[in-house]
C-alpha atoms as a PDB file:
ATOM      1  CA  MET A   1     -18.589 262.452  95.660  1.00  0.00           C
ATOM      2  CA  ARG A   2     -18.158 265.660  97.658  1.00  0.00           C
ATOM      3  CA  GLN A   3     -21.084 268.067  97.881  1.00  0.00           C
ATOM      4  CA  TRP A   4     -20.900 271.631  99.188  1.00  0.00           C
ATOM      5  CA  LEU A   5     -23.974 272.797 101.076  1.00  0.00           C
ATOM      6  CA  SER A   6     -25.217 275.114 103.809  1.00  0.00           C
ATOM      7  CA  PHE A   7     -27.673 275.002 106.694  1.00  0.00           C
ATOM      8  CA  ASP A   8     -29.214 277.348 109.240  1.00  0.00           C
ATOM      9  CA  CYS A   9     -28.290 277.792 112.894  1.00  0.00           C
ATOM     10  CA  HIS A  10     -30.301 280.465 114.685  1.00  0.00           C
ATOM     11  CA  GLY A  11     -30.421 282.627 111.571  1.00  0.00           C
ATOM     12  CA  ALA A  12     -26.771 282.174 110.604  1.00  0.00           C
ATOM     13  CA  CYS A  13     -25.852 280.379 107.386  1.00  0.00           C
ATOM     14  CA  LEU A  14     -23.263 277.675 108.076  1.00  0.00           C
ATOM     15  CA  ALA A  15     -21.051 276.173 105.372  1.00  0.00           C
ATOM     16  CA  ALA A  16     -20.637 272.410 105.148  1.00  0.00           C
ATOM     17  CA  ALA A  17     -19.342 269.568 102.997  1.00  0.00           C
ATOM     18  CA  LEU A  18     -20.734 266.077 102.550  1.00  0.00           C
ATOM     19  CA  ASP A  19     -18.608 263.211 101.250  1.00  0.00           C
ATOM     20  CA  ALA A  20     -21.378 260.901 100.161  1.00  0.00           C
ATOM     21  CA  ALA A  21     -21.380 257.113 100.449  1.00  0.00           C
ATOM     22  CA  ASP A  22     -23.958 254.327 100.501  1.00  0.00           C
ATOM     23  CA  GLY A  23     -23.401 253.155 104.072  1.00  0.00           C
ATOM     24  CA  GLU A  24     -25.933 253.485 106.863  1.00  0.00           C
ATOM     25  CA  THR A  25     -23.412 254.690 109.475  1.00  0.00           C
ATOM     26  CA  GLY A  26     -22.253 258.281 109.112  1.00  0.00           C
ATOM     27  CA  LEU A  27     -19.339 260.249 110.548  1.00  0.00           C
ATOM     28  CA  LEU A  28     -19.744 263.891 111.585  1.00  0.00           C
ATOM     29  CA  ILE A  29     -16.417 265.710 111.995  1.00  0.00           C
ATOM     30  CA  VAL A  30     -16.381 268.707 114.364  1.00  0.00           C
ATOM     31  CA  SER A  31     -13.450 271.108 113.969  1.00  0.00           C
ATOM     32  CA  GLY A  32     -11.489 272.193 117.033  1.00  0.00           C
ATOM     33  CA  GLY A  33     -10.410 275.676 118.032  1.00  0.00           C
ATOM     34  CA  ASN A  34     -11.097 278.228 115.307  1.00  0.00           C
ATOM     35  CA  GLU A  35     -10.051 275.744 112.643  1.00  0.00           C
ATOM     36  CA  ILE A  36     -12.086 275.544 109.448  1.00  0.00           C
ATOM     37  CA  GLN A  37     -13.767 272.335 108.396  1.00  0.00           C
ATOM     38  CA  SER A  38     -10.895 271.173 106.188  1.00  0.00           C
ATOM     39  CA  GLY A  39      -8.652 270.878 109.257  1.00  0.00           C
ATOM     40  CA  ALA A  40      -4.948 271.589 109.637  1.00  0.00           C
ATOM     41  CA  HIS A  41      -3.184 271.091 106.298  1.00  0.00           C
ATOM     42  CA  ALA A  42      -6.562 269.847 104.927  1.00  0.00           C
ATOM     43  CA  GLY A  43      -6.176 266.778 107.126  1.00  0.00           C
ATOM     44  CA  MET A  44      -9.872 266.443 107.972  1.00  0.00           C
ATOM     45  CA  ALA A  45     -10.926 266.932 104.356  1.00  0.00           C
ATOM     46  CA  GLN A  46      -8.558 264.148 103.346  1.00  0.00           C
ATOM     47  CA  LEU A  47      -9.793 261.934 106.171  1.00  0.00           C
ATOM     48  CA  ALA A  48     -13.410 262.543 105.133  1.00  0.00           C
ATOM     49  CA  ALA A  49     -12.679 261.483 101.553  1.00  0.00           C
ATOM     50  CA  ARG A  50     -10.947 258.289 102.680  1.00  0.00           C
ATOM     51  CA  ILE A  51     -13.673 257.385 105.164  1.00  0.00           C
ATOM     52  CA  ALA A  52     -16.384 257.942 102.530  1.00  0.00           C
ATOM     53  CA  ALA A  53     -14.436 255.783 100.096  1.00  0.00           C
ATOM     54  CA  ARG A  54     -14.821 252.959 102.631  1.00  0.00           C
ATOM     55  CA  GLY A  55     -18.605 253.346 102.524  1.00  0.00           C
ATOM     56  CA  PHE A  56     -19.303 255.759 105.402  1.00  0.00           C
ATOM     57  CA  PRO A  57     -20.888 259.130 104.511  1.00  0.00           C
ATOM     58  CA  THR A  58     -18.949 261.935 106.179  1.00  0.00           C
ATOM     59  CA  PHE A  59     -20.014 265.495 107.006  1.00  0.00           C
ATOM     60  CA  ARG A  60     -17.925 268.531 108.011  1.00  0.00           C
ATOM     61  CA  PHE A  61     -18.921 272.130 108.745  1.00  0.00           C
ATOM     62  CA  ASP A  62     -17.725 275.555 109.866  1.00  0.00           C
ATOM     63  CA  ARG A  63     -19.395 276.624 113.097  1.00  0.00           C
ATOM     64  CA  ARG A  64     -20.767 280.145 113.440  1.00  0.00           C
ATOM     65  CA  GLY A  65     -18.148 282.838 113.008  1.00  0.00           C
ATOM     66  CA  THR A  66     -15.471 280.567 111.484  1.00  0.00           C
ATOM     67  CA  GLY A  67     -14.476 279.770 107.932  1.00  0.00           C
ATOM     68  CA  ASP A  68     -17.281 280.480 105.465  1.00  0.00           C
ATOM     69  CA  SER A  69     -20.051 280.550 108.085  1.00  0.00           C
ATOM     70  CA  ASP A  70     -21.998 283.599 109.260  1.00  0.00           C
ATOM     71  CA  GLY A  71     -22.630 284.621 112.858  1.00  0.00           C
ATOM     72  CA  SER A  72     -20.543 285.196 115.951  1.00  0.00           C
ATOM     73  CA  ASN A  73     -17.902 282.771 117.156  1.00  0.00           C
ATOM     74  CA  SER A  74     -18.704 281.636 120.703  1.00  0.00           C
ATOM     75  CA  GLY A  75     -15.903 279.073 120.910  1.00  0.00           C
ATOM     76  CA  TYR A  76     -16.293 275.439 121.797  1.00  0.00           C
ATOM     77  CA  ALA A  77     -18.320 276.256 124.923  1.00  0.00           C
ATOM     78  CA  GLY A  78     -21.009 277.862 122.763  1.00  0.00           C
ATOM     79  CA  SER A  79     -20.997 275.304 119.951  1.00  0.00           C
ATOM     80  CA  ALA A  80     -23.743 272.919 121.133  1.00  0.00           C
ATOM     81  CA  ASP A  81     -26.399 274.450 118.877  1.00  0.00           C
ATOM     82  CA  ASP A  82     -24.024 274.486 115.903  1.00  0.00           C
ATOM     83  CA  ILE A  83     -23.311 270.772 116.294  1.00  0.00           C
ATOM     84  CA  ALA A  84     -26.997 269.963 116.789  1.00  0.00           C
ATOM     85  CA  ALA A  85     -27.867 271.885 113.610  1.00  0.00           C
ATOM     86  CA  ALA A  86     -25.081 270.073 111.737  1.00  0.00           C
ATOM     87  CA  ILE A  87     -26.436 266.698 112.865  1.00  0.00           C
ATOM     88  CA  ALA A  88     -29.888 267.606 111.558  1.00  0.00           C
ATOM     89  CA  ALA A  89     -28.417 268.881 108.265  1.00  0.00           C
ATOM     90  CA  PHE A  90     -26.346 265.707 107.868  1.00  0.00           C
ATOM     91  CA  ARG A  91     -29.396 263.503 108.345  1.00  0.00           C
ATOM     92  CA  ARG A  92     -31.369 265.568 105.804  1.00  0.00           C
ATOM     93  CA  SER A  93     -28.526 265.401 103.284  1.00  0.00           C
ATOM     94  CA  ALA A  94     -27.923 261.660 103.758  1.00  0.00           C
ATOM     95  CA  PRO A  95     -31.351 260.219 104.632  1.00  0.00           C
ATOM     96  CA  GLY A  96     -30.040 256.652 104.457  1.00  0.00           C
ATOM     97  CA  ILE A  97     -28.066 257.113 107.684  1.00  0.00           C
ATOM     98  CA  ARG A  98     -29.329 255.001 110.563  1.00  0.00           C
ATOM     99  CA  ARG A  99     -26.448 255.518 112.992  1.00  0.00           C
ATOM    100  CA  LEU A 100     -24.146 258.465 113.571  1.00  0.00           C
ATOM    101  CA  VAL A 101     -20.656 258.775 115.063  1.00  0.00           C
ATOM    102  CA  LEU A 102     -19.147 262.108 116.147  1.00  0.00           C
ATOM    103  CA  LEU A 103     -15.423 262.877 115.807  1.00  0.00           C
ATOM    104  CA  GLY A 104     -13.744 265.936 117.315  1.00  0.00           C
ATOM    105  CA  ASN A 105     -10.160 266.961 117.995  1.00  0.00           C
ATOM    106  CA  CYS A 106      -9.002 269.181 120.873  1.00  0.00           C
ATOM    107  CA  ASP A 107     -11.786 271.419 122.242  1.00  0.00           C
ATOM    108  CA  ALA A 108     -14.198 269.977 119.670  1.00  0.00           C
ATOM    109  CA  ALA A 109     -13.764 266.666 121.489  1.00  0.00           C
ATOM    110  CA  THR A 110     -14.497 268.493 124.733  1.00  0.00           C
ATOM    111  CA  ALA A 111     -17.674 270.009 123.277  1.00  0.00           C
ATOM    112  CA  ILE A 112     -18.834 266.605 122.058  1.00  0.00           C
ATOM    113  CA  ALA A 113     -18.194 265.074 125.475  1.00  0.00           C
ATOM    114  CA  LEU A 114     -19.997 267.872 127.308  1.00  0.00           C
ATOM    115  CA  PHE A 115     -23.075 268.224 125.121  1.00  0.00           C
ATOM    116  CA  HIS A 116     -23.683 264.914 123.327  1.00  0.00           C
ATOM    117  CA  ARG A 117     -26.436 263.655 125.624  1.00  0.00           C
ATOM    118  CA  THR A 118     -28.917 266.050 124.007  1.00  0.00           C
ATOM    119  CA  TRP A 119     -28.252 264.690 120.504  1.00  0.00           C
ATOM    120  CA  ASN A 120     -29.398 261.523 118.743  1.00  0.00           C
ATOM    121  CA  VAL A 121     -26.010 259.901 118.106  1.00  0.00           C
ATOM    122  CA  ASP A 122     -24.534 256.453 118.648  1.00  0.00           C
ATOM    123  CA  ALA A 123     -20.823 256.774 119.480  1.00  0.00           C
ATOM    124  CA  LEU A 124     -18.104 259.329 120.193  1.00  0.00           C
ATOM    125  CA  ILE A 125     -14.512 259.594 118.979  1.00  0.00           C
ATOM    126  CA  LEU A 126     -12.575 262.077 121.115  1.00  0.00           C
ATOM    127  CA  ALA A 127      -9.106 263.001 119.869  1.00  0.00           C
ATOM    128  CA  ASN A 128      -6.815 264.901 122.256  1.00  0.00           C
ATOM    129  CA  PRO A 129      -9.658 266.227 124.446  1.00  0.00           C
ATOM    130  CA  TRP A 130      -8.934 269.687 125.842  1.00  0.00           C
ATOM    131  CA  LEU A 131      -9.063 269.760 129.661  1.00  0.00           C
ATOM    132  CA  ILE A 132      -6.730 272.684 130.286  1.00  0.00           C
ATOM    133  CA  GLU A 133      -7.745 275.804 132.182  1.00  0.00           C
ATOM    134  CA  GLN A 134      -4.576 277.879 132.309  1.00  0.00           C
ATOM    135  CA  GLN A 135      -3.719 281.236 133.829  1.00  0.00           C
ATOM    136  CA  HIS A 136      -0.358 281.601 132.068  1.00  0.00           C
ATOM    137  CA  ASP A 137       1.260 280.996 128.684  1.00  0.00           C
ATOM    138  CA  LEU A 138       3.247 277.900 129.659  1.00  0.00           C
ATOM    139  CA  PRO A 139       2.399 274.380 128.466  1.00  0.00           C
ATOM    140  CA  PRO A 140       0.201 272.310 130.787  1.00  0.00           C
ATOM    141  CA  PRO A 141       1.997 270.847 133.839  1.00  0.00           C
ATOM    142  CA  ALA A 142       1.816 267.291 132.457  1.00  0.00           C
ATOM    143  CA  ALA A 143       3.680 268.402 129.345  1.00  0.00           C
ATOM    144  CA  ILE A 144       6.265 270.276 131.429  1.00  0.00           C
ATOM    145  CA  ARG A 145       6.852 267.204 133.596  1.00  0.00           C
ATOM    146  CA  ALA A 146       7.241 264.993 130.528  1.00  0.00           C
ATOM    147  CA  ARG A 147       9.705 267.431 128.984  1.00  0.00           C
ATOM    148  CA  TYR A 148      11.733 267.770 132.191  1.00  0.00           C
ATOM    149  CA  GLY A 149      11.785 263.996 132.614  1.00  0.00           C
ATOM    150  CA  GLU A 150      13.142 263.605 129.102  1.00  0.00           C
ATOM    151  CA  ARG A 151      15.823 266.200 129.698  1.00  0.00           C
ATOM    152  CA  LEU A 152      16.896 264.842 133.081  1.00  0.00           C
ATOM    153  CA  ARG A 153      17.669 261.506 131.391  1.00  0.00           C
ATOM    154  CA  ASP A 154      19.996 263.271 128.939  1.00  0.00           C
ATOM    155  CA  PRO A 155      23.548 263.870 130.299  1.00  0.00           C
ATOM    156  CA  ARG A 156      23.985 266.751 127.841  1.00  0.00           C
ATOM    157  CA  GLN A 157      21.228 268.700 129.620  1.00  0.00           C
ATOM    158  CA  TRP A 158      23.039 268.386 132.961  1.00  0.00           C
ATOM    159  CA  LEU A 159      26.149 269.794 131.277  1.00  0.00           C
ATOM    160  CA  ARG A 160      24.117 272.744 129.963  1.00  0.00           C
ATOM    161  CA  LEU A 161      22.748 273.394 133.473  1.00  0.00           C
ATOM    162  CA  PHE A 162      26.164 273.387 135.178  1.00  0.00           C
ATOM    163  CA  SER A 163      27.742 275.455 132.403  1.00  0.00           C
ATOM    164  CA  GLY A 164      25.145 278.223 132.835  1.00  0.00           C
ATOM    165  CA  ARG A 165      23.481 277.752 129.455  1.00  0.00           C
ATOM    166  CA  VAL A 166      20.025 277.048 130.943  1.00  0.00           C
ATOM    167  CA  ASN A 167      17.552 279.903 131.393  1.00  0.00           C
ATOM    168  CA  ILE A 168      17.065 279.720 135.170  1.00  0.00           C
ATOM    169  CA  ALA A 169      14.094 282.118 135.143  1.00  0.00           C
ATOM    170  CA  LYS A 170      12.265 279.986 132.588  1.00  0.00           C
ATOM    171  CA  LEU A 171      13.119 276.854 134.561  1.00  0.00           C
ATOM    172  CA  ALA A 172      11.684 278.433 137.720  1.00  0.00           C
ATOM    173  CA  ARG A 173       8.470 279.349 135.927  1.00  0.00           C
ATOM    174  CA  GLY A 174       8.106 275.760 134.766  1.00  0.00           C
ATOM    175  CA  VAL A 175       8.639 274.367 138.245  1.00  0.00           C
ATOM    176  CA  ALA A 176       6.116 276.858 139.654  1.00  0.00           C
ATOM    177  CA  ALA A 177       3.538 275.798 137.080  1.00  0.00           C
ATOM    178  CA  ILE A 178       3.942 272.189 138.192  1.00  0.00           C
ATOM    179  CA  SER A 179       3.724 272.893 141.905  1.00  0.00           C
ATOM    180  CA  ASN A 180       1.430 275.864 142.435  1.00  0.00           C
ATOM    181  CA  GLY A 181      -1.849 274.579 141.062  1.00  0.00           C
ATOM    182  CA  THR A 182      -2.166 277.087 138.233  1.00  0.00           C
ATOM    183  CA  VAL A 183      -4.369 274.646 136.350  1.00  0.00           C
ATOM    184  CA  THR A 184      -7.774 273.957 137.867  1.00  0.00           C
ATOM    185  CA  ASP A 185      -9.783 270.766 137.512  1.00  0.00           C
ATOM    186  CA  GLY A 186     -13.168 272.329 136.787  1.00  0.00           C
ATOM    187  CA  LEU A 187     -13.277 271.451 133.103  1.00  0.00           C
ATOM    188  CA  ALA A 188     -11.852 267.967 133.688  1.00  0.00           C
ATOM    189  CA  ALA A 189     -14.534 267.331 136.318  1.00  0.00           C
ATOM    190  CA  ARG A 190     -17.272 268.459 133.924  1.00  0.00           C
ATOM    191  CA  VAL A 191     -16.011 266.225 131.124  1.00  0.00           C
ATOM    192  CA  HIS A 192     -15.686 263.320 133.544  1.00  0.00           C
ATOM    193  CA  GLN A 193     -19.250 263.824 134.764  1.00  0.00           C
ATOM    194  CA  ALA A 194     -20.621 264.045 131.220  1.00  0.00           C
ATOM    195  CA  LEU A 195     -18.914 260.815 130.154  1.00  0.00           C
ATOM    196  CA  ALA A 196     -19.691 258.990 133.401  1.00  0.00           C
ATOM    197  CA  THR A 197     -23.416 259.691 133.081  1.00  0.00           C
ATOM    198  CA  SER A 198     -23.581 258.792 129.378  1.00  0.00           C
ATOM    199  CA  SER A 199     -24.600 255.437 127.956  1.00  0.00           C
ATOM    200  CA  LEU A 200     -22.733 255.833 124.665  1.00  0.00           C
ATOM    201  CA  PRO A 201     -19.481 254.117 123.730  1.00  0.00           C
ATOM    202  CA  ALA A 202     -16.560 256.526 123.466  1.00  0.00           C
ATOM    203  CA  HIS A 203     -13.154 255.974 121.899  1.00  0.00           C
ATOM    204  CA  ILE A 204     -10.365 258.348 122.953  1.00  0.00           C
ATOM    205  CA  ILE A 205      -7.381 258.846 120.630  1.00  0.00           C
ATOM    206  CA  LEU A 206      -4.269 260.610 121.918  1.00  0.00           C
ATOM    207  CA  ALA A 207      -1.206 261.928 120.101  1.00  0.00           C
ATOM    208  CA  ARG A 208       1.068 260.504 122.779  1.00  0.00           C
ATOM    209  CA  ARG A 209       3.631 263.356 122.940  1.00  0.00           C
ATOM    210  CA  ASP A 210       1.261 266.258 122.297  1.00  0.00           C
ATOM    211  CA  ALA A 211       0.891 268.712 125.201  1.00  0.00           C
ATOM    212  CA  THR A 212      -2.926 268.627 125.188  1.00  0.00           C
ATOM    213  CA  ALA A 213      -2.910 264.836 125.068  1.00  0.00           C
ATOM    214  CA  LEU A 214      -0.375 264.648 127.915  1.00  0.00           C
ATOM    215  CA  ALA A 215      -2.656 266.796 130.073  1.00  0.00           C
ATOM    216  CA  PHE A 216      -5.613 264.539 129.312  1.00  0.00           C
ATOM    217  CA  ALA A 217      -3.589 261.368 129.927  1.00  0.00           C
ATOM    218  CA  GLU A 218      -2.649 262.583 133.393  1.00  0.00           C
ATOM    219  CA  HIS A 219      -6.327 262.933 134.293  1.00  0.00           C
ATOM    220  CA  TRP A 220      -7.138 259.607 132.644  1.00  0.00           C
ATOM    221  CA  ARG A 221      -4.606 257.795 134.840  1.00  0.00           C
ATOM    222  CA  SER A 222      -5.811 259.489 138.016  1.00  0.00           C
ATOM    223  CA  PRO A 223      -8.078 257.795 140.601  1.00  0.00           C
ATOM    224  CA  ALA A 224     -10.865 260.250 139.700  1.00  0.00           C
ATOM    225  CA  PHE A 225     -11.106 258.748 136.213  1.00  0.00           C
ATOM    226  CA  ALA A 226     -10.881 255.108 137.335  1.00  0.00           C
ATOM    227  CA  ASP A 227     -14.617 254.574 136.789  1.00  0.00           C
ATOM    228  CA  LEU A 228     -14.244 255.610 133.145  1.00  0.00           C
ATOM    229  CA  ARG A 229     -11.184 253.417 132.631  1.00  0.00           C
ATOM    230  CA  ASN A 230     -13.028 250.430 134.092  1.00  0.00           C
ATOM    231  CA  SER A 231     -16.408 251.070 132.497  1.00  0.00           C
ATOM    232  CA  GLY A 232     -15.896 248.791 129.490  1.00  0.00           C
ATOM    233  CA  ARG A 233     -17.650 251.492 127.472  1.00  0.00           C
ATOM    234  CA  ILE A 234     -14.749 253.907 127.012  1.00  0.00           C
ATOM    235  CA  SER A 235     -11.486 252.896 125.337  1.00  0.00           C
ATOM    236  CA  LEU A 236      -8.233 254.754 124.768  1.00  0.00           C
ATOM    237  CA  PHE A 237      -5.632 254.416 122.017  1.00  0.00           C
ATOM    238  CA  GLU A 238      -2.348 256.320 121.751  1.00  0.00           C
ATOM    239  CA  ILE A 239      -0.606 257.215 118.502  1.00  0.00           C
ATOM    240  CA  GLU A 240       3.151 257.691 118.859  1.00  0.00           C
ATOM    241  CA  THR A 241       3.427 261.285 117.675  1.00  0.00           C
ATOM    242  CA  ALA A 242       3.739 264.855 118.924  1.00  0.00           C
ATOM    243  CA  SER A 243       1.478 266.148 116.144  1.00  0.00           C
ATOM    244  CA  HIS A 244      -1.743 267.519 117.634  1.00  0.00           C
ATOM    245  CA  SER A 245      -3.468 267.290 114.248  1.00  0.00           C
ATOM    246  CA  PHE A 246      -1.997 263.892 113.260  1.00  0.00           C
ATOM    247  CA  ALA A 247      -0.316 265.641 110.335  1.00  0.00           C
ATOM    248  CA  ARG A 248       2.359 263.128 109.349  1.00  0.00           C
ATOM    249  CA  PRO A 249       1.265 260.443 106.845  1.00  0.00           C
ATOM    250  CA  ALA A 250       1.802 257.670 109.390  1.00  0.00           C
ATOM    251  CA  ASP A 251      -0.198 259.599 112.001  1.00  0.00           C
ATOM    252  CA  ALA A 252      -3.054 260.235 109.571  1.00  0.00           C
ATOM    253  CA  GLU A 253      -3.120 256.555 108.641  1.00  0.00           C
ATOM    254  CA  ALA A 254      -3.238 255.532 112.303  1.00  0.00           C
ATOM    255  CA  LEU A 255      -6.076 257.986 112.964  1.00  0.00           C
ATOM    256  CA  GLU A 256      -8.010 256.678 109.972  1.00  0.00           C
ATOM    257  CA  THR A 257      -7.587 253.099 111.187  1.00  0.00           C
ATOM    258  CA  GLN A 258      -8.986 253.993 114.602  1.00  0.00           C
ATOM    259  CA  VAL A 259     -11.954 255.876 113.116  1.00  0.00           C
ATOM    260  CA  LEU A 260     -12.765 252.986 110.775  1.00  0.00           C
ATOM    261  CA  THR A 261     -12.586 250.546 113.693  1.00  0.00           C
ATOM    262  CA  VAL A 262     -15.231 252.523 115.581  1.00  0.00           C
ATOM    263  CA  LEU A 263     -17.440 252.929 112.501  1.00  0.00           C
ATOM    264  CA  ALA A 264     -17.257 249.207 111.789  1.00  0.00           C
ATOM    265  CA  ALA A 265     -18.166 248.380 115.401  1.00  0.00           C
ATOM    266  CA  VAL A 266     -21.152 250.705 115.303  1.00  0.00           C
ATOM    267  CA  SER A 267     -22.246 249.309 111.951  1.00  0.00           C
ATOM    268  CA  GLY A 268     -22.091 245.807 113.363  1.00  0.00           C
ATOM    269  CA  GLY A 269     -24.892 246.750 115.712  1.00  0.00           C
ATOM    270  CA  LEU A 270     -27.323 247.501 112.891  1.00  0.00           C
END
């Protein structure tokens, strides 16, 4: 059963939804970007209903300044208090919860990674974590490299280049973005530090051909992230899709399977 409710965050009234269930492990979904709690194409609302139907109470909310919530929107970097207030509201609304898992997509995953150590939670699910700090409107370099690699393997693209049908200026901008360091590693370093100094299990889910996921995957494979890869505490799973929001039915099913796997593992520790 879905219940609509609200809670306070520093004087602002935040809108939320609880999909109730009898289980003792709950899932809190944090929306990314300026997305409302239902998610792209209502994908998170549908996921919440399916997860609750499997016995896990699920809570969603609009942070300050988005959707039906009051207040000013401070973006993901200013969302720590919103998420903390949502956790407290979830526990009040579902007092039978003994363990709590957080799920976020895109910069919501980044916020969870950065701030979770101040909250009483048990596991993290980070979908397509946002690590990009760009100074231009091009895709991240990892996505550009992947796209160029795909095109270079296609003989038709070479024909387009030699016949003059390729935008040389756009090509040059892409090459410059790869080579000139227009993306800094500050945010990636902060996320790495937050996860490296945490004791919680984290499960990373990537839409394999999504630009944000490609940028994260490049960091994940780098020597700087080797300690996370080898920690035994952080796992990574890729879904074969370019959909950032896992919008296709097969993508949504794969995401649900991964979320249920984490919830079951956490529940097994009760």
